[in-house]
């Protein structure tokens, strides 16, 4: 099992001062995470999504962290592959350089980005990007491993050239695909890639996704393999706030989750920007079945909660919010559902830095050792 952190650089303050603070906070947390025994720091890539994600240059953040850390893994989760955003040659060069400087600590995820807001920034129509992403993801590991590369593709053309440097890891860092739906899960498994499951659905949803991924993996064909290092690995998102005061942790976490959800909905569906100043203390409500759900709206419409709809999974507040024991119980459920890696996310909009730091300490001092001890006992 791996225990990791993932960052969007999400902030309620889109000013220059807000940007300074959110990145200073990430660095402080990353250094603490290395001390606390976390395995990987993952950084997403998004462009032009104010408040939701200011992590537009993850390669720079990861390079900075590589120089300040010694052990912790560095996850590019994920590089957006439309060529005008990140040309395959430059992606291969950057990943290899980061892998060298970090002495083999890189993890390399790929995807296309999630919104027309991002794609349109670079002149693309989001709905047309899949073939371009496919061409790039197959090409990049070839660039990282071949002495020279020549490629005459539909979207990328490269005359014969030597591309340097080559990665520290042989043949290249492990590769992952961002998975937000059944199609991408099946694609990750069929192509021999790790799956980054980035959703709020909870253990039951992770179990369903795990079944899809493992089935596709078991039936994969050699000719479909992306890269030269098969990587059977499912990483599951785990929204988390862990404090001594479990009720306070739950309130802080659910409020942060609401901000995450509404800022995401603003860019994905055209809803209003989140306004935490207008929220009361109560940010949950019971649905028709009596289950607790996050209270919010998408665009101008109040949501009709239906957890069979993947979009509504964001409303699920039943995550690792609470005490250490609450967190251990929830993480165990994700493990039982098939997760190989837990992607803790606590930097969600309104969550204060002190609560995030306390969460990292509680996970590092109590949650991770709990599972490491169990692993050691099983191994013995």
Protein backbone atom coordinates (compact mmCIF):
# COMPACT_ATOMS: atom_id res chain seq x y z
CA UNK A 1 0.00 0.00 0.00
CA UNK A 2 1.04 3.56 -0.74
CA UNK A 3 -0.20 6.62 1.13
CA UNK A 4 0.00 9.85 -0.83
CA UNK A 5 -1.20 13.45 -1.09
CA UNK A 6 -2.70 15.15 -4.13
CA UNK A 7 -2.83 18.89 -4.78
CA UNK A 8 -4.91 21.12 -7.04
CA UNK A 9 -3.59 24.39 -5.53
CA UNK A 10 -7.20 25.21 -4.79
CA UNK A 11 -7.80 28.58 -3.17
CA UNK A 12 -10.65 30.86 -2.14
CA UNK A 13 -8.42 33.85 -2.95
CA UNK A 14 -7.45 34.21 -6.62
CA UNK A 15 -5.31 37.30 -5.98
CA UNK A 16 -1.51 37.41 -6.10
CA UNK A 17 -1.46 37.19 -2.32
CA UNK A 18 -3.70 34.13 -2.48
CA UNK A 19 -1.38 32.46 -4.99
CA UNK A 20 1.64 33.11 -2.78
CA UNK A 21 -0.11 31.58 0.20
CA UNK A 22 -1.43 28.45 -1.47
CA UNK A 23 1.97 27.51 -2.89
CA UNK A 24 3.76 28.29 0.37
CA UNK A 25 1.20 26.06 2.10
CA UNK A 26 1.85 23.21 -0.36
CA UNK A 27 5.60 23.36 0.22
CA UNK A 28 5.15 23.36 4.00
CA UNK A 29 2.84 20.35 3.76
CA UNK A 30 5.10 18.46 1.35
CA UNK A 31 8.11 18.81 3.66
CA UNK A 32 6.01 17.61 6.60
CA UNK A 33 4.66 14.72 4.50
CA UNK A 34 8.19 13.47 3.84
CA UNK A 35 8.88 13.49 7.59
CA UNK A 36 5.58 11.72 8.29
CA UNK A 37 6.24 8.79 5.96
CA UNK A 38 3.93 9.60 3.04
CA UNK A 39 4.93 7.89 -0.21
CA UNK A 40 4.14 10.34 -3.03
CA UNK A 41 3.19 13.99 -3.60
CA UNK A 42 0.90 14.24 -6.64
CA UNK A 43 0.32 17.52 -8.49
CA UNK A 44 -2.47 17.93 -11.04
CA UNK A 45 -2.36 20.16 -14.13
CA UNK A 46 -5.13 22.65 -14.90
CA UNK A 47 -5.15 25.96 -16.77
CA UNK A 48 -7.55 28.92 -16.52
CA UNK A 49 -9.73 27.50 -13.71
CA UNK A 50 -9.73 30.34 -11.18
CA UNK A 51 -10.15 29.19 -7.57
CA UNK A 52 -10.70 25.53 -8.49
CA UNK A 53 -7.08 24.81 -9.47
CA UNK A 54 -4.10 27.15 -9.74
CA UNK A 55 -1.71 24.22 -10.32
CA UNK A 56 -0.91 25.13 -13.92
CA UNK A 57 2.84 24.33 -13.84
CA UNK A 58 3.17 21.12 -11.80
CA UNK A 59 6.57 20.34 -13.31
CA UNK A 60 7.92 23.50 -11.65
CA UNK A 61 6.37 22.64 -8.28
CA UNK A 62 7.72 19.09 -8.46
CA UNK A 63 11.20 20.29 -9.42
CA UNK A 64 11.20 22.64 -6.44
CA UNK A 65 10.06 19.85 -4.12
CA UNK A 66 12.62 17.45 -5.58
CA UNK A 67 15.36 19.81 -4.42
CA UNK A 68 13.90 20.14 -0.93
CA UNK A 69 13.21 16.44 -0.27
CA UNK A 70 15.22 13.22 -0.24
CA UNK A 71 12.81 10.28 -0.22
CA UNK A 72 9.20 11.06 -1.12
CA UNK A 73 7.91 10.18 -4.59
CA UNK A 74 6.93 12.94 -7.04
CA UNK A 75 3.73 12.37 -9.02
CA UNK A 76 2.93 14.27 -12.20
CA UNK A 77 -0.76 13.55 -11.93
CA UNK A 78 -1.39 14.21 -14.74
CA UNK A 79 0.35 15.87 -17.68
CA UNK A 80 -2.23 17.18 -20.16
CA UNK A 81 -1.11 15.85 -23.55
CA UNK A 82 -2.68 18.02 -26.29
CA UNK A 83 0.50 18.97 -28.22
CA UNK A 84 -0.03 22.74 -27.96
CA UNK A 85 -0.27 22.38 -24.18
CA UNK A 86 2.63 19.95 -23.77
CA UNK A 87 4.49 18.73 -26.82
CA UNK A 88 5.54 15.07 -26.48
CA UNK A 89 9.25 15.88 -26.84
CA UNK A 90 9.10 18.46 -24.07
CA UNK A 91 7.10 16.11 -21.83
CA UNK A 92 9.69 13.35 -22.29
CA UNK A 93 12.54 15.78 -21.60
CA UNK A 94 10.93 17.21 -18.46
CA UNK A 95 9.93 13.85 -16.98
CA UNK A 96 13.40 12.41 -17.61
CA UNK A 97 15.12 15.46 -16.13
CA UNK A 98 12.94 15.39 -13.01
CA UNK A 99 13.58 11.67 -12.66
CA UNK A 100 17.34 12.24 -12.85
CA UNK A 101 17.35 15.11 -10.37
CA UNK A 102 15.16 13.18 -7.91
CA UNK A 103 17.18 9.94 -8.34
CA UNK A 104 14.27 7.94 -9.67
CA UNK A 105 11.34 9.29 -7.66
CA UNK A 106 9.05 10.22 -10.56
CA UNK A 107 5.56 8.86 -11.29
CA UNK A 108 4.11 9.92 -14.63
CA UNK A 109 0.38 10.28 -15.28
CA UNK A 110 -1.29 11.40 -18.50
CA UNK A 111 -4.68 12.80 -19.51
CA UNK A 112 -6.37 15.50 -21.53
CA UNK A 113 -7.77 17.99 -18.99
CA UNK A 114 -11.42 18.11 -18.06
CA UNK A 115 -13.03 21.28 -19.40
CA UNK A 116 -13.52 23.24 -22.59
CA UNK A 117 -12.30 26.25 -20.59
CA UNK A 118 -8.85 24.63 -20.50
CA UNK A 119 -8.85 23.12 -23.98
CA UNK A 120 -10.09 26.31 -25.56
CA UNK A 121 -7.21 28.24 -24.02
CA UNK A 122 -4.95 26.35 -26.43
CA UNK A 123 -7.34 26.39 -29.39
CA UNK A 124 -8.82 22.91 -28.97
CA UNK A 125 -12.30 21.44 -28.85
CA UNK A 126 -12.34 19.13 -25.82
CA UNK A 127 -14.54 16.56 -27.57
CA UNK A 128 -11.93 15.98 -30.31
CA UNK A 129 -8.86 15.41 -28.12
CA UNK A 130 -8.83 11.65 -27.45
CA UNK A 131 -6.97 10.65 -30.66
CA UNK A 132 -4.31 13.29 -29.97
CA UNK A 133 -3.89 12.08 -26.38
CA UNK A 134 -3.58 8.48 -27.57
CA UNK A 135 -0.88 9.35 -30.10
CA UNK A 136 1.11 11.31 -27.52
CA UNK A 137 0.91 8.74 -24.71
CA UNK A 138 2.27 5.98 -26.93
CA UNK A 139 4.99 8.25 -28.31
CA UNK A 140 6.44 9.71 -25.09
CA UNK A 141 7.87 6.47 -23.61
CA UNK A 142 9.49 5.73 -26.98
CA UNK A 143 11.19 9.14 -26.84
CA UNK A 144 12.41 8.37 -23.32
CA UNK A 145 13.92 5.01 -24.28
CA UNK A 146 15.15 5.23 -27.90
CA UNK A 147 18.52 6.69 -28.87
CA UNK A 148 16.78 8.62 -31.64
CA UNK A 149 13.13 9.27 -32.40
CA UNK A 150 11.38 9.80 -35.72
CA UNK A 151 7.60 10.08 -35.87
CA UNK A 152 5.21 10.88 -38.71
CA UNK A 153 1.86 10.86 -36.95
CA UNK A 154 -1.51 12.45 -37.55
CA UNK A 155 -1.04 15.14 -34.90
CA UNK A 156 2.70 15.10 -34.18
CA UNK A 157 5.56 15.00 -36.65
CA UNK A 158 9.18 14.74 -35.49
CA UNK A 159 12.14 14.43 -37.87
CA UNK A 160 14.85 12.01 -36.72
CA UNK A 161 16.43 13.50 -33.62
CA UNK A 162 18.36 12.40 -30.52
CA UNK A 163 16.40 13.53 -27.45
CA UNK A 164 18.16 13.91 -24.10
CA UNK A 165 18.29 13.18 -21.22
CA UNK A 166 17.04 9.66 -20.55
CA UNK A 167 15.30 8.89 -17.24
CA UNK A 168 16.96 7.61 -14.08
CA UNK A 169 14.49 4.71 -13.91
CA UNK A 170 14.94 1.99 -16.49
CA UNK A 171 13.17 1.95 -18.86
CA UNK A 172 11.12 4.93 -17.62
CA UNK A 173 9.00 6.03 -14.63
CA UNK A 174 5.75 4.10 -14.01
CA UNK A 175 2.86 5.44 -16.08
CA UNK A 176 -0.74 6.17 -15.05
CA UNK A 177 -3.95 7.38 -16.66
CA UNK A 178 -6.45 9.79 -15.08
CA UNK A 179 -9.69 7.80 -14.74
CA UNK A 180 -13.00 9.59 -14.24
CA UNK A 181 -15.35 7.15 -15.98
CA UNK A 182 -15.80 3.53 -17.04
CA UNK A 183 -14.21 4.11 -20.44
CA UNK A 184 -10.96 5.51 -19.07
CA UNK A 185 -10.74 2.78 -16.41
CA UNK A 186 -11.05 0.10 -19.05
CA UNK A 187 -8.52 1.91 -21.22
CA UNK A 188 -5.99 2.11 -18.38
CA UNK A 189 -6.29 -1.60 -17.67
CA UNK A 190 -6.18 -2.62 -21.32
CA UNK A 191 -3.08 -0.51 -21.89
CA UNK A 192 -1.20 -1.79 -18.84
CA UNK A 193 -1.23 1.57 -17.02
CA UNK A 194 -1.94 2.51 -13.43
CA UNK A 195 -5.36 4.07 -12.77
CA UNK A 196 -5.74 7.35 -10.87
CA UNK A 197 -9.36 7.22 -9.70
CA UNK A 198 -10.21 10.85 -9.02
CA UNK A 199 -13.75 10.84 -7.63
CA UNK A 200 -15.74 11.34 -4.44
CA UNK A 201 -17.90 8.23 -4.81
CA UNK A 202 -16.54 6.36 -1.78
CA UNK A 203 -15.56 2.70 -1.24
CA UNK A 204 -18.59 1.19 -3.02
CA UNK A 205 -17.85 3.23 -6.12
CA UNK A 206 -14.13 2.39 -5.92
CA UNK A 207 -15.00 -1.33 -5.74
CA UNK A 208 -17.03 -1.06 -8.97
CA UNK A 209 -14.23 0.84 -10.68
CA UNK A 210 -11.66 -1.64 -9.42
CA UNK A 211 -13.61 -4.54 -10.98
CA UNK A 212 -13.68 -2.76 -14.35
CA UNK A 213 -9.97 -1.97 -14.18
CA UNK A 214 -8.85 -5.46 -13.13
CA UNK A 215 -10.99 -7.15 -15.77
CA UNK A 216 -9.51 -4.94 -18.48
CA UNK A 217 -6.03 -5.60 -17.13
CA UNK A 218 -6.48 -9.37 -17.17
CA UNK A 219 -7.58 -9.27 -20.81
CA UNK A 220 -4.98 -6.82 -22.08
CA UNK A 221 -2.94 -7.46 -25.23
CA UNK A 222 0.77 -6.86 -25.64
CA UNK A 223 0.25 -4.62 -28.67
CA UNK A 224 -1.93 -2.25 -26.61
CA UNK A 225 0.68 -1.68 -23.90
CA UNK A 226 1.58 1.99 -23.33
CA UNK A 227 5.28 2.25 -22.61
CA UNK A 228 7.58 -0.54 -21.55
CA UNK A 229 6.75 -0.95 -17.87
CA UNK A 230 3.33 -2.52 -17.13
CA UNK A 231 1.92 -0.99 -13.98
CA UNK A 232 -1.07 -2.71 -12.35
CA UNK A 233 -2.03 -0.13 -9.75
CA UNK A 234 -5.26 1.57 -8.68
CA UNK A 235 -4.99 4.80 -6.68
CA UNK A 236 -8.21 6.06 -5.05
CA UNK A 237 -9.06 9.57 -3.92
CA UNK A 238 -9.65 9.96 -0.17
CA UNK A 239 -11.03 13.34 0.98
CA UNK A 240 -9.63 13.69 4.48
CA UNK A 241 -9.58 15.91 7.55
CA UNK A 242 -8.36 14.19 10.74
CA UNK A 243 -8.43 16.08 14.03
CA UNK A 244 -8.69 15.20 17.70
CA UNK A 245 -12.13 16.81 17.57
CA UNK A 246 -13.91 14.53 15.11
CA UNK A 247 -17.01 16.71 14.77
CA UNK A 248 -14.90 19.77 13.98
CA UNK A 249 -12.97 17.74 11.41
CA UNK A 250 -16.19 16.65 9.74
CA UNK A 251 -17.55 20.21 9.53
CA UNK A 252 -14.26 21.55 8.14
CA UNK A 253 -13.97 18.72 5.63
CA UNK A 254 -17.54 18.89 4.35
CA UNK A 255 -17.35 22.66 3.97
CA UNK A 256 -14.10 22.27 2.00
CA UNK A 257 -15.72 19.59 -0.12
CA UNK A 258 -18.63 21.88 -0.89
CA UNK A 259 -16.20 24.54 -2.05
CA UNK A 260 -14.38 21.98 -4.18
CA UNK A 261 -17.64 20.84 -5.72
CA UNK A 262 -19.10 24.29 -6.42
CA UNK A 263 -15.87 25.68 -7.88
CA UNK A 264 -15.66 22.59 -10.10
CA UNK A 265 -19.31 22.98 -11.13
CA UNK A 266 -18.65 26.62 -12.01
CA UNK A 267 -16.19 25.59 -14.73
CA UNK A 268 -17.81 22.32 -15.79
CA UNK A 269 -21.49 23.30 -15.88
CA UNK A 270 -21.57 27.09 -15.72
CA UNK A 271 -22.81 27.32 -12.13
CA UNK A 272 -22.16 30.34 -9.92
CA UNK A 273 -18.84 30.77 -8.18
CA UNK A 274 -18.89 29.43 -4.62
CA UNK A 275 -19.48 32.05 -1.93
CA UNK A 276 -18.59 30.58 1.49
CA UNK A 277 -19.56 33.86 3.19
CA UNK A 278 -23.18 33.02 2.40
CA UNK A 279 -23.05 29.51 3.86
CA UNK A 280 -24.26 28.65 7.30
CA UNK A 281 -22.64 26.10 9.60
CA UNK A 282 -24.89 23.33 8.29
CA UNK A 283 -23.60 22.17 4.90
CA UNK A 284 -25.32 18.79 4.78
CA UNK A 285 -28.92 17.73 4.30
CA UNK A 286 -30.75 14.40 4.18
CA UNK A 287 -31.73 13.02 0.79
CA UNK A 288 -34.92 11.10 0.07
CA UNK A 289 -33.48 7.93 1.58
CA UNK A 290 -32.33 9.65 4.75
CA UNK A 291 -28.65 9.60 3.80
CA UNK A 292 -26.56 12.64 4.61
CA UNK A 293 -25.41 14.51 1.49
CA UNK A 294 -23.64 17.78 0.83
CA UNK A 295 -26.13 20.62 0.38
CA UNK A 296 -25.52 22.73 -2.71
CA UNK A 297 -26.75 23.52 -6.21
CA UNK A 298 -25.42 23.13 -9.74
CA UNK A 299 -25.94 26.25 -11.84
CA UNK A 300 -29.28 27.69 -10.69
CA UNK A 301 -30.87 24.33 -9.99
CA UNK A 302 -30.98 22.54 -6.66
CA UNK A 303 -29.53 19.11 -7.16
CA UNK A 304 -31.64 15.98 -7.14
CA UNK A 305 -29.46 13.50 -5.35
CA UNK A 306 -29.04 10.25 -7.26
CA UNK A 307 -25.85 8.35 -6.49
CA UNK A 308 -26.30 6.22 -9.60
CA UNK A 309 -25.32 9.40 -11.47
CA UNK A 310 -21.51 9.76 -11.30
CA UNK A 311 -21.80 13.54 -11.23
CA UNK A 312 -23.71 13.32 -7.98
CA UNK A 313 -20.97 11.33 -6.30
CA UNK A 314 -19.45 14.70 -5.41
CA UNK A 315 -22.29 15.16 -2.95
CA UNK A 316 -21.25 12.19 -0.83
CA UNK A 317 -19.88 13.55 2.49
CA UNK A 318 -18.99 10.16 3.94
CA UNK A 319 -15.21 10.23 3.67
CA UNK A 320 -12.25 10.26 6.07
CA UNK A 321 -13.53 13.22 8.03
CA UNK A 322 -13.22 12.76 11.79
CA UNK A 323 -10.82 11.19 14.27
CA UNK A 324 -7.86 8.93 13.63
CA UNK A 325 -10.08 5.90 14.12
CA UNK A 326 -12.63 7.27 11.65
CA UNK A 327 -9.84 7.69 9.10
CA UNK A 328 -8.43 4.20 9.69
CA UNK A 329 -11.88 2.69 9.20
CA UNK A 330 -12.48 4.57 5.97
CA UNK A 331 -9.04 3.82 4.54
CA UNK A 332 -9.56 0.12 5.33
CA UNK A 333 -12.77 0.22 3.31
CA UNK A 334 -10.88 1.69 0.34
CA UNK A 335 -8.25 -1.03 0.66
CA UNK A 336 -10.94 -3.69 0.83
CA UNK A 337 -12.46 -2.14 -2.32
CA UNK A 338 -9.21 -2.78 -4.19
CA UNK A 339 -7.13 0.39 -3.80
CA UNK A 340 -3.35 0.00 -4.03
CA UNK A 341 -2.76 3.64 -3.11
CA UNK A 342 -4.68 6.17 -1.04
CA UNK A 343 -4.70 9.69 -2.52
CA UNK A 344 -5.44 11.84 0.52
CA UNK A 345 -6.81 15.26 -0.41
CA UNK A 346 -7.22 17.84 2.33
CA UNK A 347 -6.43 21.07 0.46
CA UNK A 348 -10.01 21.88 -0.47
CA UNK A 349 -10.84 25.56 -0.73
CA UNK A 350 -11.94 26.69 2.71
CA UNK A 351 -9.87 24.21 4.77
CA UNK A 352 -7.36 26.22 6.86
CA UNK A 353 -3.68 25.39 6.81
CA UNK A 354 -3.58 24.46 10.51
CA UNK A 355 -6.22 21.76 9.94
CA UNK A 356 -4.32 20.37 6.97
CA UNK A 357 -1.06 20.22 8.92
CA UNK A 358 -2.76 18.53 11.87
CA UNK A 359 -4.34 16.07 9.45
CA UNK A 360 -0.95 15.19 7.97
CA UNK A 361 0.54 14.68 11.43
CA UNK A 362 -2.33 12.45 12.53
CA UNK A 363 -2.10 10.37 9.37
CA UNK A 364 1.68 10.14 9.55
CA UNK A 365 1.91 9.37 13.24
CA UNK A 366 -1.07 7.04 13.58
CA UNK A 367 -2.84 6.05 10.36
CA UNK A 368 0.14 5.07 8.19
CA UNK A 369 1.89 3.17 11.03
CA UNK A 370 -1.34 1.24 11.67
CA UNK A 371 -1.36 -0.12 8.13
CA UNK A 372 2.42 -0.54 7.91
CA UNK A 373 2.32 -2.66 11.08
CA UNK A 374 -0.45 -4.81 9.60
CA UNK A 375 1.56 -5.27 6.40
CA UNK A 376 4.61 -6.29 8.41
CA UNK A 377 2.57 -8.79 10.41
CA UNK A 378 1.15 -10.36 7.25
CA UNK A 379 4.62 -10.54 5.70
CA UNK A 380 5.95 -12.25 8.83
